[in-house]
Amino acid sequence: MYLRNLPTLPPRGWRLAAHITVVCLLIAVTPVSPAEPTRVVVRPQDTGAALRNPGMGWVLHHFDNDLRRYTVDLEPSDTVEDFPGASVVYMRLAWSYLEPEEGRFHWALVDSPAQRWIAKGWQVAFRFTCAESGRDQPYATPEWVRKAGAKGHFYQPGKGVTDGAAWWEPDYDDPVFLDKLERFLAAAAARYDGRPEVAFIDVGSFGVWGEGHTFSSTRLPYSAATVRRHLDLHRKHFRRTLLAANDDFSIQGRGLEILHYARSIGMTLRDDSILVSGGNSAYHHAYLAPRFWPELPVILECEHFGPSRDRGYWQDGSLYLRAVEDYHASYATVHWYPRPFLEANRALIDRINLRLGYRLQLLEASWPEQVAAGGELTVGYSWRNAGVAPCLPGGHPAITLKDARGGIAGVFVDEDFDVRALPVGPPGEAVPVGRLEKPASQASRPLISFRLPPPPLLKPGEYALYISVGSRTGTPRIAMPLPGDDGQRRYRLGALRVTPL
């Protein structure tokens, strides 16, 4: 737990000034040796900006178990772009909405709203559930599945199996139910598996709300073997998209081996129970997270904000931040209407954005003030990951040279340096790693040299020098808290003069 030195943001006015002045970029010009050209050294300051990056961020609930909440009341043009750090919109819906008749699917129900966010560069995520408790959801599993012969039980939400109740939950081991479920999952996977716009899919076919328990449905027990069967069904069809297993799969006597099994088949951990209670009971399974977070993005979901607040559990929300720290979370959900949540928790959201997922800070960069055409451009830098989670998407630093008109004249990628390897730590204490003139540790490396193209390709003159992190071919992928963004996730650091031979 890293709460002793939690980061604080500078005042908003200061941050604005940092963007419009040169205060946030410290520049020095130092000679390396009499035989070498003068080097430029810059030490950028973290701008405090919220970042939208692959594999991390806030998750907004569009459909939350039914068709009435939480962003469904927004105009189609409103994608809540004003929510800082939001990157994923979440569609949690009962199977019966999407396959109301066997073999006839209503994918437009999710595709229509999803495209609003995808067009803005967001991703989507899904959970397809088989038992619910809403007043208009007696059949989360389609009724036609029961009529086809699947066994199950009628229940009263919160009271268990009840004669004459309207809600129906399948027997999760029933072969007819499993056959129909597999056909649905196969159809969903044919549509969404491996799509770059899909961030993750929860295993949601077991338990009420897809949470892996039956406390608010039939209250009937199921074995770990049952849960494993549902994990295997999802993995069979979703082979390329990240799958998430709920921490509650392990409760009701099933044990932790089911979560270890989920991890062994490449699934990550999701905890839906943050601040359902308060104090020391705000969450229970952070000790499981080390099995997942070093390699997979952990997902947290808080209790519906309104009820948590009204029961006195939310308080100032700092326990949500503590959960992000303890789980090393990459994703955190907004389990409420997003703008009221933002209005009530803006300071908390700003603090969480400094730690959620990964945050690549460029602590220092250096390069020669001038290089002869066709010569060696020797670059150094020091990086720190200020987030709680590794930069799991990975990426390579790249230097880009632009001419006076903004045209890209040169791109040089450090393919041997992957930011995924940057260690994490408590706030402000992660170990910096980079390329330095005199590496202080085995983690750091010597300066790297790039050969400039010959004069016909890179003419002598003045060039703006940018840094980015992305693919091996120099395409920027990762936003950083740096000034000077060119709009494509390249950040201007200074200038380089290319001199004639």
Protein backbone atom coordinates (compact mmCIF):
# COMPACT_ATOMS: atom_id res chain seq x y z
CA MET A 1 0.00 0.00 0.00
CA TYR A 2 1.56 3.31 -1.07
CA LEU A 3 -0.54 5.93 0.71
CA ARG A 4 2.11 7.72 2.72
CA ASN A 5 3.08 10.05 -0.15
CA LEU A 6 0.08 10.19 -2.44
CA PRO A 7 0.55 12.64 -5.31
CA THR A 8 -1.21 15.97 -5.36
CA LEU A 9 -1.93 18.12 -8.37
CA PRO A 10 -0.76 21.70 -8.65
CA PRO A 11 -3.53 24.32 -8.75
CA ARG A 12 -5.41 24.46 -12.05
CA GLY A 13 -4.17 27.97 -12.82
CA TRP A 14 -0.57 26.86 -12.40
CA ARG A 15 -1.12 23.92 -14.71
CA LEU A 16 -2.55 26.22 -17.38
CA ALA A 17 0.44 28.48 -17.05
CA ALA A 18 2.75 25.51 -17.41
CA HIS A 19 1.20 24.77 -20.79
CA ILE A 20 1.57 28.30 -22.13
CA THR A 21 5.00 29.22 -20.79
CA VAL A 22 8.43 27.67 -20.91
CA VAL A 23 8.41 27.06 -17.15
CA CYS A 24 7.68 23.35 -17.55
CA LEU A 25 10.73 22.55 -19.72
CA LEU A 26 14.13 23.12 -18.16
CA ILE A 27 16.87 23.34 -20.77
CA ALA A 28 20.61 23.34 -20.31
CA VAL A 29 23.41 23.37 -22.84
CA THR A 30 26.54 21.58 -21.68
CA PRO A 31 29.77 20.54 -23.37
CA VAL A 32 30.53 16.82 -23.06
CA SER A 33 34.24 17.09 -23.85
CA PRO A 34 36.49 19.32 -25.98
CA ALA A 35 36.33 16.74 -28.78
CA GLU A 36 32.54 16.46 -28.81
CA PRO A 37 29.84 19.00 -29.69
CA THR A 38 27.86 20.80 -27.03
CA ARG A 39 24.90 18.75 -25.76
CA VAL A 40 21.41 19.98 -25.05
CA VAL A 41 19.85 18.64 -21.84
CA VAL A 42 16.14 19.04 -21.03
CA ARG A 43 14.31 18.04 -17.85
CA PRO A 44 10.56 18.26 -18.52
CA GLN A 45 8.07 18.59 -15.68
CA ASP A 46 4.98 16.37 -15.48
CA THR A 47 2.08 18.52 -16.70
CA GLY A 48 -0.44 16.77 -14.45
CA ALA A 49 -2.60 15.95 -17.47
CA ALA A 50 -5.04 13.03 -17.46
CA LEU A 51 -4.00 10.56 -20.13
CA ARG A 52 -6.02 8.31 -22.44
CA ASN A 53 -3.81 5.35 -23.25
CA PRO A 54 -4.07 1.75 -24.43
CA GLY A 55 -4.73 -0.83 -21.73
CA MET A 56 -5.72 1.56 -18.94
CA GLY A 57 -8.12 4.28 -17.82
CA TRP A 58 -11.58 4.99 -16.46
CA VAL A 59 -14.44 2.80 -17.67
CA LEU A 60 -17.90 4.35 -18.11
CA HIS A 61 -20.97 2.10 -17.83
CA HIS A 62 -23.35 2.61 -20.74
CA PHE A 63 -25.65 -0.35 -20.15
CA ASP A 64 -25.50 -1.53 -16.56
CA ASN A 65 -27.47 -4.79 -16.41
CA ASP A 66 -30.53 -3.20 -18.00
CA LEU A 67 -31.46 -0.65 -20.66
CA ARG A 68 -32.05 2.27 -18.29
CA ARG A 69 -28.60 3.30 -17.03
CA TYR A 70 -26.01 4.90 -16.95
CA THR A 71 -25.22 6.85 -20.10
CA VAL A 72 -28.25 5.76 -22.09
CA ASP A 73 -29.99 9.05 -21.33
CA LEU A 74 -27.30 11.07 -23.11
CA GLU A 75 -27.72 12.45 -26.60
CA PRO A 76 -26.06 10.25 -29.25
CA SER A 77 -23.52 13.02 -29.87
CA ASP A 78 -22.50 13.13 -26.19
CA THR A 79 -19.58 10.82 -25.43
CA VAL A 80 -18.57 12.47 -22.15
CA GLU A 81 -15.27 13.67 -23.56
CA ASP A 82 -14.99 15.97 -20.53
CA PHE A 83 -14.35 13.03 -18.16
CA PRO A 84 -10.57 13.08 -17.65
CA GLY A 85 -8.80 9.79 -18.31
CA ALA A 86 -11.87 7.87 -19.53
CA SER A 87 -10.97 5.42 -22.29
CA VAL A 88 -13.51 2.55 -22.30
CA VAL A 89 -17.30 2.36 -22.48
CA TYR A 90 -18.79 -0.75 -20.90
CA MET A 91 -21.81 -2.73 -22.09
CA ARG A 92 -23.18 -5.09 -19.42
CA LEU A 93 -26.33 -6.74 -20.69
CA ALA A 94 -28.38 -9.89 -20.24
CA TRP A 95 -28.09 -12.52 -22.95
CA SER A 96 -31.86 -12.30 -23.51
CA TYR A 97 -31.56 -8.75 -24.86
CA LEU A 98 -29.09 -9.84 -27.53
CA GLU A 99 -30.68 -13.14 -28.61
CA PRO A 100 -34.41 -12.72 -27.94
CA GLU A 101 -35.15 -15.57 -30.35
CA GLU A 102 -32.85 -18.51 -30.95
CA GLY A 103 -30.38 -17.69 -33.69
CA ARG A 104 -31.73 -14.14 -34.20
CA PHE A 105 -29.38 -11.56 -32.73
CA HIS A 106 -29.86 -7.91 -31.85
CA TRP A 107 -26.24 -6.75 -32.05
CA ALA A 108 -27.29 -3.23 -33.03
CA LEU A 109 -28.28 -2.79 -29.38
CA VAL A 110 -24.60 -2.60 -28.45
CA ASP A 111 -22.98 -1.71 -31.76
CA SER A 112 -24.96 1.52 -32.14
CA PRO A 113 -23.79 3.20 -28.92
CA ALA A 114 -20.34 1.59 -29.14
CA GLN A 115 -19.61 3.30 -32.43
CA ARG A 116 -20.12 6.72 -30.84
CA TRP A 117 -17.13 6.14 -28.59
CA ILE A 118 -15.05 4.12 -31.05
CA ALA A 119 -15.23 7.09 -33.43
CA LYS A 120 -13.59 9.19 -30.68
CA GLY A 121 -10.74 6.74 -30.16
CA TRP A 122 -12.22 4.89 -27.16
CA GLN A 123 -12.57 1.14 -26.74
CA VAL A 124 -15.55 -0.94 -25.63
CA ALA A 125 -15.93 -3.81 -23.17
CA PHE A 126 -18.68 -6.37 -22.61
CA ARG A 127 -20.30 -8.66 -20.07
CA PHE A 128 -23.10 -10.98 -21.12
CA THR A 129 -25.11 -12.21 -18.12
CA CYS A 130 -27.48 -15.13 -17.45
CA ALA A 131 -29.20 -14.04 -14.21
CA GLU A 132 -30.39 -10.61 -13.12
CA SER A 133 -32.55 -9.01 -10.43
CA GLY A 134 -34.13 -6.03 -12.18
CA ARG A 135 -37.87 -5.66 -12.20
CA ASP A 136 -38.08 -6.03 -15.98
CA GLN A 137 -35.56 -8.89 -16.27
CA PRO A 138 -37.19 -12.14 -15.15
CA TYR A 139 -35.30 -13.93 -17.94
CA ALA A 140 -31.69 -12.83 -18.30
CA THR A 141 -31.14 -16.20 -19.91
CA PRO A 142 -33.69 -16.14 -22.76
CA GLU A 143 -36.99 -17.83 -21.94
CA TRP A 144 -36.69 -19.90 -25.07
CA VAL A 145 -33.72 -21.69 -23.44
CA ARG A 146 -35.99 -22.90 -20.61
CA LYS A 147 -38.66 -23.89 -23.10
CA ALA A 148 -36.04 -25.88 -25.02
CA GLY A 149 -35.63 -28.08 -21.95
CA ALA A 150 -32.95 -26.38 -19.86
CA LYS A 151 -33.36 -26.95 -16.13
CA GLY A 152 -33.37 -24.07 -13.70
CA HIS A 153 -35.10 -22.44 -10.74
CA PHE A 154 -37.50 -19.57 -10.14
CA TYR A 155 -36.37 -17.16 -7.45
CA GLN A 156 -37.21 -13.92 -5.71
CA PRO A 157 -34.21 -11.53 -5.72
CA GLY A 158 -32.68 -11.50 -2.27
CA LYS A 159 -34.87 -14.38 -1.02
CA GLY A 160 -33.70 -17.40 -3.00
CA VAL A 161 -35.77 -20.14 -4.67
CA THR A 162 -39.45 -19.23 -4.31
CA ASP A 163 -42.57 -20.86 -5.70
CA GLY A 164 -44.45 -18.56 -8.04
CA ALA A 165 -41.57 -16.11 -8.45
CA ALA A 166 -41.05 -14.47 -11.85
CA TRP A 167 -37.25 -14.55 -12.05
CA TRP A 168 -35.54 -17.62 -13.50
CA GLU A 169 -31.95 -18.75 -13.17
CA PRO A 170 -30.57 -21.69 -15.15
CA ASP A 171 -28.87 -24.67 -13.63
CA TYR A 172 -25.36 -23.68 -14.62
CA ASP A 173 -24.39 -27.31 -15.26
CA ASP A 174 -27.41 -28.19 -17.39
CA PRO A 175 -26.34 -29.55 -20.80
CA VAL A 176 -29.16 -27.86 -22.74
CA PHE A 177 -28.33 -24.49 -21.18
CA LEU A 178 -24.60 -24.97 -21.84
CA ASP A 179 -25.22 -25.94 -25.47
CA LYS A 180 -27.34 -22.84 -26.13
CA LEU A 181 -24.88 -20.63 -24.22
CA GLU A 182 -21.96 -21.92 -26.26
CA ARG A 183 -23.75 -21.14 -29.49
CA PHE A 184 -24.34 -17.58 -28.27
CA LEU A 185 -20.71 -17.14 -27.17
CA ALA A 186 -19.52 -18.48 -30.53
CA ALA A 187 -21.65 -15.89 -32.33
CA ALA A 188 -20.40 -13.09 -30.06
CA ALA A 189 -16.78 -14.18 -30.54
CA ALA A 190 -17.16 -14.29 -34.32
CA ARG A 191 -18.17 -10.65 -34.07
CA TYR A 192 -15.89 -9.23 -31.37
CA ASP A 193 -12.94 -11.53 -30.64
CA GLY A 194 -9.61 -9.94 -31.48
CA ARG A 195 -11.12 -6.65 -32.55
CA PRO A 196 -8.76 -3.78 -31.64
CA GLU A 197 -11.69 -1.67 -30.46
CA VAL A 198 -12.56 -4.23 -27.74
CA ALA A 199 -10.58 -3.73 -24.54
CA PHE A 200 -11.80 -6.78 -22.60
CA ILE A 201 -14.74 -9.12 -22.04
CA ASP A 202 -15.85 -10.34 -18.63
CA VAL A 203 -16.74 -13.96 -18.05
CA GLY A 204 -20.34 -13.16 -17.10
CA SER A 205 -22.34 -16.34 -17.68
CA PHE A 206 -22.14 -17.60 -14.09
CA GLY A 207 -24.00 -16.06 -11.13
CA VAL A 208 -26.34 -13.15 -10.66
CA TRP A 209 -25.22 -10.01 -12.53
CA GLY A 210 -22.42 -12.22 -13.91
CA GLU A 211 -20.50 -11.70 -10.67
CA GLY A 212 -19.93 -15.36 -9.88
CA HIS A 213 -22.27 -15.81 -6.91
CA THR A 214 -25.95 -16.59 -6.32
CA PHE A 215 -26.53 -14.54 -3.16
CA SER A 216 -29.15 -12.32 -4.84
CA SER A 217 -30.68 -15.05 -7.02
CA THR A 218 -31.29 -18.69 -6.08
CA ARG A 219 -28.64 -18.89 -3.35
CA LEU A 220 -27.81 -22.37 -4.59
CA PRO A 221 -24.20 -23.60 -4.34
CA TYR A 222 -22.09 -24.58 -7.32
CA SER A 223 -18.67 -26.20 -7.42
CA ALA A 224 -15.39 -24.91 -8.77
CA ALA A 225 -15.82 -27.40 -11.61
CA THR A 226 -18.94 -25.50 -12.73
CA VAL A 227 -17.10 -22.20 -12.82
CA ARG A 228 -14.20 -23.80 -14.63
CA ARG A 229 -16.61 -25.03 -17.29
CA HIS A 230 -17.77 -21.45 -17.89
CA LEU A 231 -14.21 -20.13 -17.98
CA ASP A 232 -13.32 -22.78 -20.55
CA LEU A 233 -16.33 -21.94 -22.72
CA HIS A 234 -15.26 -18.30 -22.91
CA ARG A 235 -11.62 -19.14 -23.55
CA LYS A 236 -12.60 -21.61 -26.27
CA HIS A 237 -14.25 -18.87 -28.31
CA PHE A 238 -12.52 -15.66 -27.21
CA ARG A 239 -8.94 -16.62 -27.99
CA ARG A 240 -7.47 -13.20 -28.72
CA THR A 241 -9.39 -10.71 -26.58
CA LEU A 242 -8.51 -10.16 -22.91
CA LEU A 243 -10.94 -12.04 -20.65
CA ALA A 244 -11.61 -11.10 -17.01
CA ALA A 245 -12.55 -13.46 -14.17
CA ASN A 246 -14.44 -12.05 -11.20
CA ASP A 247 -12.86 -12.40 -7.77
CA ASP A 248 -16.20 -13.73 -6.46
CA PHE A 249 -15.78 -16.88 -8.53
CA SER A 250 -13.77 -18.10 -5.53
CA ILE A 251 -16.44 -17.61 -2.86
CA GLN A 252 -19.34 -19.84 -1.70
CA GLY A 253 -16.80 -22.52 -0.78
CA ARG A 254 -15.13 -22.83 -4.20
CA GLY A 255 -11.66 -21.68 -3.14
CA LEU A 256 -8.87 -19.71 -4.75
CA GLU A 257 -7.82 -22.49 -7.11
CA ILE A 258 -10.47 -21.32 -9.55
CA LEU A 259 -8.78 -17.93 -9.86
CA HIS A 260 -5.39 -19.57 -10.21
CA TYR A 261 -6.90 -21.60 -13.02
CA ALA A 262 -8.29 -18.46 -14.65
CA ARG A 263 -4.80 -16.94 -14.54
CA SER A 264 -3.27 -20.10 -16.00
CA ILE A 265 -5.45 -19.76 -19.12
CA GLY A 266 -4.58 -16.11 -19.61
CA MET A 267 -7.45 -14.35 -17.85
CA THR A 268 -7.08 -11.28 -15.69
CA LEU A 269 -8.68 -10.37 -12.36
CA ARG A 270 -11.73 -8.18 -11.88
CA ASP A 271 -13.12 -7.07 -8.50
CA ASP A 272 -16.67 -5.66 -8.55
CA SER A 273 -16.91 -5.06 -4.81
CA ILE A 274 -14.91 -1.92 -4.02
CA LEU A 275 -16.73 0.13 -1.34
CA VAL A 276 -19.81 -2.08 -1.22
CA SER A 277 -18.88 -1.86 2.46
CA GLY A 278 -16.61 0.61 4.21
CA GLY A 279 -13.48 0.83 6.32
CA ASN A 280 -11.40 -2.32 6.47
CA SER A 281 -14.15 -4.15 4.55
CA ALA A 282 -14.00 -1.80 1.54
CA TYR A 283 -12.43 -4.65 -0.45
CA HIS A 284 -11.10 -8.12 0.31
CA HIS A 285 -9.01 -9.64 -2.48
CA ALA A 286 -6.08 -7.31 -3.12
CA TYR A 287 -3.77 -10.12 -2.00
CA LEU A 288 -4.71 -11.96 -5.20
CA ALA A 289 -3.58 -9.13 -7.46
CA PRO A 290 0.17 -9.97 -7.54
CA ARG A 291 -0.74 -13.12 -9.43
CA PHE A 292 -2.12 -10.93 -12.22
CA TRP A 293 -0.91 -7.31 -12.41
CA PRO A 294 2.71 -7.86 -13.46
CA GLU A 295 1.49 -9.34 -16.75
CA LEU A 296 -2.21 -8.45 -17.13
CA PRO A 297 -4.30 -5.32 -16.50
CA VAL A 298 -6.37 -5.62 -13.31
CA ILE A 299 -9.90 -4.15 -13.41
CA LEU A 300 -11.71 -2.57 -10.45
CA GLU A 301 -15.38 -1.72 -10.20
CA CYS A 302 -16.73 0.33 -7.33
CA GLU A 303 -20.15 -0.06 -5.80
CA HIS A 304 -22.86 2.09 -7.40
CA PHE A 305 -21.70 5.49 -6.19
CA GLY A 306 -25.08 6.73 -4.97
CA PRO A 307 -25.85 3.80 -2.63
CA SER A 308 -22.25 3.68 -1.37
CA ARG A 309 -22.38 7.40 -0.60
CA ASP A 310 -25.81 7.20 1.00
CA ARG A 311 -24.79 4.31 3.29
CA GLY A 312 -21.80 6.33 4.46
CA TYR A 313 -19.20 4.00 2.96
CA TRP A 314 -17.86 6.26 0.21
CA GLN A 315 -16.91 9.24 2.41
CA ASP A 316 -14.16 11.08 0.47
CA GLY A 317 -13.55 8.14 -1.88
CA SER A 318 -9.92 7.77 -0.81
CA LEU A 319 -10.46 4.05 -0.28
CA TYR A 320 -11.00 3.74 -4.03
CA LEU A 321 -7.59 5.28 -4.55
CA ARG A 322 -6.15 2.93 -1.96
CA ALA A 323 -7.67 0.00 -3.86
CA VAL A 324 -6.06 1.23 -7.09
CA GLU A 325 -2.73 1.23 -5.24
CA ASP A 326 -3.18 -2.17 -3.58
CA TYR A 327 -4.44 -3.97 -6.70
CA HIS A 328 -2.00 -2.14 -9.03
CA ALA A 329 -5.09 -1.51 -11.15
CA SER A 330 -5.06 -0.52 -14.80
CA TYR A 331 -8.81 0.12 -15.10
CA ALA A 332 -11.27 1.75 -12.67
CA THR A 333 -14.98 1.98 -13.38
CA VAL A 334 -17.38 4.86 -12.92
CA HIS A 335 -20.33 2.89 -11.59
CA TRP A 336 -22.77 5.78 -11.74
CA TYR A 337 -23.90 8.62 -13.99
CA PRO A 338 -20.54 9.98 -15.16
CA ARG A 339 -21.00 13.73 -14.80
CA PRO A 340 -22.55 13.66 -11.30
CA PHE A 341 -19.74 11.27 -10.32
CA LEU A 342 -17.17 13.70 -11.76
CA GLU A 343 -18.74 16.69 -10.03
CA ALA A 344 -18.72 14.94 -6.66
CA ASN A 345 -15.24 13.42 -6.98
CA ARG A 346 -13.17 15.68 -9.23
CA ALA A 347 -10.22 16.01 -6.85
CA LEU A 348 -10.21 12.25 -6.25
CA ILE A 349 -10.35 11.54 -9.98
CA ASP A 350 -7.41 13.87 -10.56
CA ARG A 351 -5.40 12.01 -7.92
CA ILE A 352 -6.32 8.60 -9.28
CA ASN A 353 -5.35 9.71 -12.79
CA LEU A 354 -1.80 10.29 -11.56
CA ARG A 355 -1.53 6.65 -10.53
CA LEU A 356 -4.06 4.50 -12.45
CA GLY A 357 -2.36 2.18 -14.93
CA TYR A 358 0.98 3.46 -16.19
CA ARG A 359 2.30 7.01 -16.50
CA LEU A 360 5.52 7.49 -18.44
CA GLN A 361 7.54 10.45 -17.21
CA LEU A 362 10.51 11.67 -19.22
CA LEU A 363 12.84 12.91 -16.50
CA GLU A 364 15.67 13.95 -18.78
CA ALA A 365 16.69 13.88 -22.42
CA SER A 366 19.93 14.94 -24.09
CA TRP A 367 21.34 15.21 -27.61
CA PRO A 368 24.09 17.14 -29.41
CA GLU A 369 23.36 20.74 -30.30
CA GLN A 370 24.53 20.00 -33.85
CA VAL A 371 25.45 16.99 -35.96
CA ALA A 372 27.15 16.86 -39.36
CA ALA A 373 24.98 15.58 -42.20
CA GLY A 374 25.20 11.80 -42.32
CA GLY A 375 26.80 11.77 -38.86
CA GLU A 376 25.86 10.20 -35.54
CA LEU A 377 22.99 11.53 -33.43
CA THR A 378 23.77 10.38 -29.88
CA VAL A 379 20.74 10.48 -27.60
CA GLY A 380 20.23 9.92 -23.91
CA TYR A 381 17.16 9.87 -21.71
CA SER A 382 15.86 8.85 -18.31
CA TRP A 383 12.34 7.46 -17.85
CA ARG A 384 10.15 6.69 -14.88
CA ASN A 385 6.79 4.90 -14.70
CA ALA A 386 4.80 6.94 -12.17
CA GLY A 387 1.75 4.65 -12.34
CA VAL A 388 0.85 1.60 -10.26
CA ALA A 389 0.98 -0.88 -13.16
CA PRO A 390 3.57 -1.77 -15.78
CA CYS A 391 3.17 -0.27 -19.25
CA LEU A 392 1.78 -3.59 -20.46
CA PRO A 393 1.27 -2.52 -24.11
CA GLY A 394 4.99 -1.74 -24.22
CA GLY A 395 6.62 0.69 -26.58
CA HIS A 396 9.91 2.07 -27.86
CA PRO A 397 11.21 5.63 -27.61
CA ALA A 398 11.57 7.41 -30.93
CA ILE A 399 13.22 10.67 -31.93
CA THR A 400 11.50 12.55 -34.77
CA LEU A 401 12.98 15.50 -36.65
CA LYS A 402 10.61 17.98 -38.31
CA ASP A 403 11.43 20.75 -40.73
CA ALA A 404 10.20 24.35 -40.54
CA ARG A 405 6.88 23.39 -42.13
CA GLY A 406 6.24 20.52 -39.75
CA GLY A 407 7.19 17.80 -42.21
CA ILE A 408 8.77 14.66 -40.81
CA ALA A 409 12.37 14.60 -41.97
CA GLY A 410 13.76 11.79 -39.83
CA VAL A 411 12.56 9.07 -37.43
CA PHE A 412 14.95 7.11 -35.20
CA VAL A 413 13.62 4.32 -32.98
CA ASP A 414 15.34 2.76 -29.98
CA GLU A 415 14.18 -0.80 -30.64
CA ASP A 416 16.25 -2.26 -27.80
CA PHE A 417 14.54 -0.17 -25.13
CA ASP A 418 11.01 -1.23 -24.17
CA VAL A 419 9.14 0.93 -21.63
CA ARG A 420 7.23 -2.16 -20.50
CA ALA A 421 10.30 -3.01 -18.42
CA LEU A 422 10.11 0.20 -16.36
CA PRO A 423 9.52 -0.75 -12.71
CA VAL A 424 6.65 0.57 -10.61
CA GLY A 425 6.78 1.77 -7.04
CA PRO A 426 5.13 3.96 -4.41
CA PRO A 427 4.29 7.53 -5.47
CA GLY A 428 7.47 9.28 -6.58
CA GLU A 429 9.67 6.30 -5.73
CA ALA A 430 9.74 4.18 -8.89
CA VAL A 431 13.31 3.65 -10.06
CA PRO A 432 14.23 5.69 -13.16
CA VAL A 433 15.73 3.77 -16.07
CA GLY A 434 17.25 5.12 -19.24
CA ARG A 435 20.22 5.68 -21.49
CA LEU A 436 22.82 7.74 -19.71
CA GLU A 437 26.38 8.86 -20.34
CA LYS A 438 27.41 7.03 -17.16
CA PRO A 439 24.76 4.41 -16.31
CA ALA A 440 24.34 4.20 -12.55
CA SER A 441 22.72 0.76 -12.51
CA GLN A 442 22.41 -2.39 -14.56
CA ALA A 443 18.89 -1.36 -15.51
CA SER A 444 20.15 1.72 -17.37
CA ARG A 445 22.20 1.63 -20.56
CA PRO A 446 24.73 3.78 -22.40
CA LEU A 447 23.68 6.53 -24.80
CA ILE A 448 22.35 5.34 -28.14
CA SER A 449 23.61 6.61 -31.51
CA PHE A 450 21.53 6.90 -34.68
CA ARG A 451 23.09 7.40 -38.11
CA LEU A 452 21.55 10.38 -39.88
CA PRO A 453 20.56 9.89 -43.53
CA PRO A 454 23.02 11.36 -46.06
CA PRO A 455 22.56 14.98 -47.23
CA PRO A 456 20.31 14.27 -50.22
CA LEU A 457 17.76 12.78 -47.78
CA LEU A 458 18.30 14.94 -44.71
CA LYS A 459 19.49 18.36 -45.78
CA PRO A 460 21.59 20.60 -43.57
CA GLY A 461 19.46 23.02 -41.57
CA GLU A 462 17.47 23.53 -38.37
CA TYR A 463 15.06 20.82 -37.23
CA ALA A 464 12.61 20.58 -34.35
CA LEU A 465 13.31 17.50 -32.23
CA TYR A 466 10.40 15.48 -30.82
CA ILE A 467 10.20 12.40 -28.64
CA SER A 468 7.48 9.73 -28.63
CA VAL A 469 6.85 6.17 -27.46
CA GLY A 470 5.23 3.63 -29.75
CA SER A 471 5.84 0.96 -32.35
CA ARG A 472 9.16 -0.28 -33.69
CA THR A 473 8.46 1.70 -36.85
CA GLY A 474 8.13 5.00 -34.99
CA THR A 475 4.34 5.35 -34.87
CA PRO A 476 3.43 7.05 -31.57
CA ARG A 477 1.06 5.05 -29.35
CA ILE A 478 1.35 6.36 -25.81
CA ALA A 479 0.31 9.75 -24.48
CA MET A 480 2.68 11.27 -21.93
CA PRO A 481 2.40 14.16 -19.46
CA LEU A 482 4.67 16.41 -21.52
CA PRO A 483 4.19 19.83 -23.10
CA GLY A 484 4.63 20.41 -26.81
CA ASP A 485 2.27 17.71 -28.15
CA ASP A 486 2.00 17.87 -31.95
CA GLY A 487 -1.47 16.29 -31.80
CA GLN A 488 -0.09 12.85 -32.66
CA ARG A 489 1.59 12.02 -29.34
CA ARG A 490 4.98 13.42 -30.31
CA TYR A 491 6.36 15.99 -27.88
CA ARG A 492 8.75 18.76 -28.85
CA LEU A 493 11.89 18.90 -26.73
CA GLY A 494 14.03 21.40 -28.62
CA ALA A 495 16.06 21.76 -31.80
CA LEU A 496 18.89 20.08 -33.70
CA ARG A 497 21.16 21.74 -36.24
CA VAL A 498 22.37 19.51 -39.08
CA THR A 499 25.54 21.03 -40.52
CA PRO A 500 27.12 20.51 -43.94
CA LEU A 501 29.82 17.90 -44.24
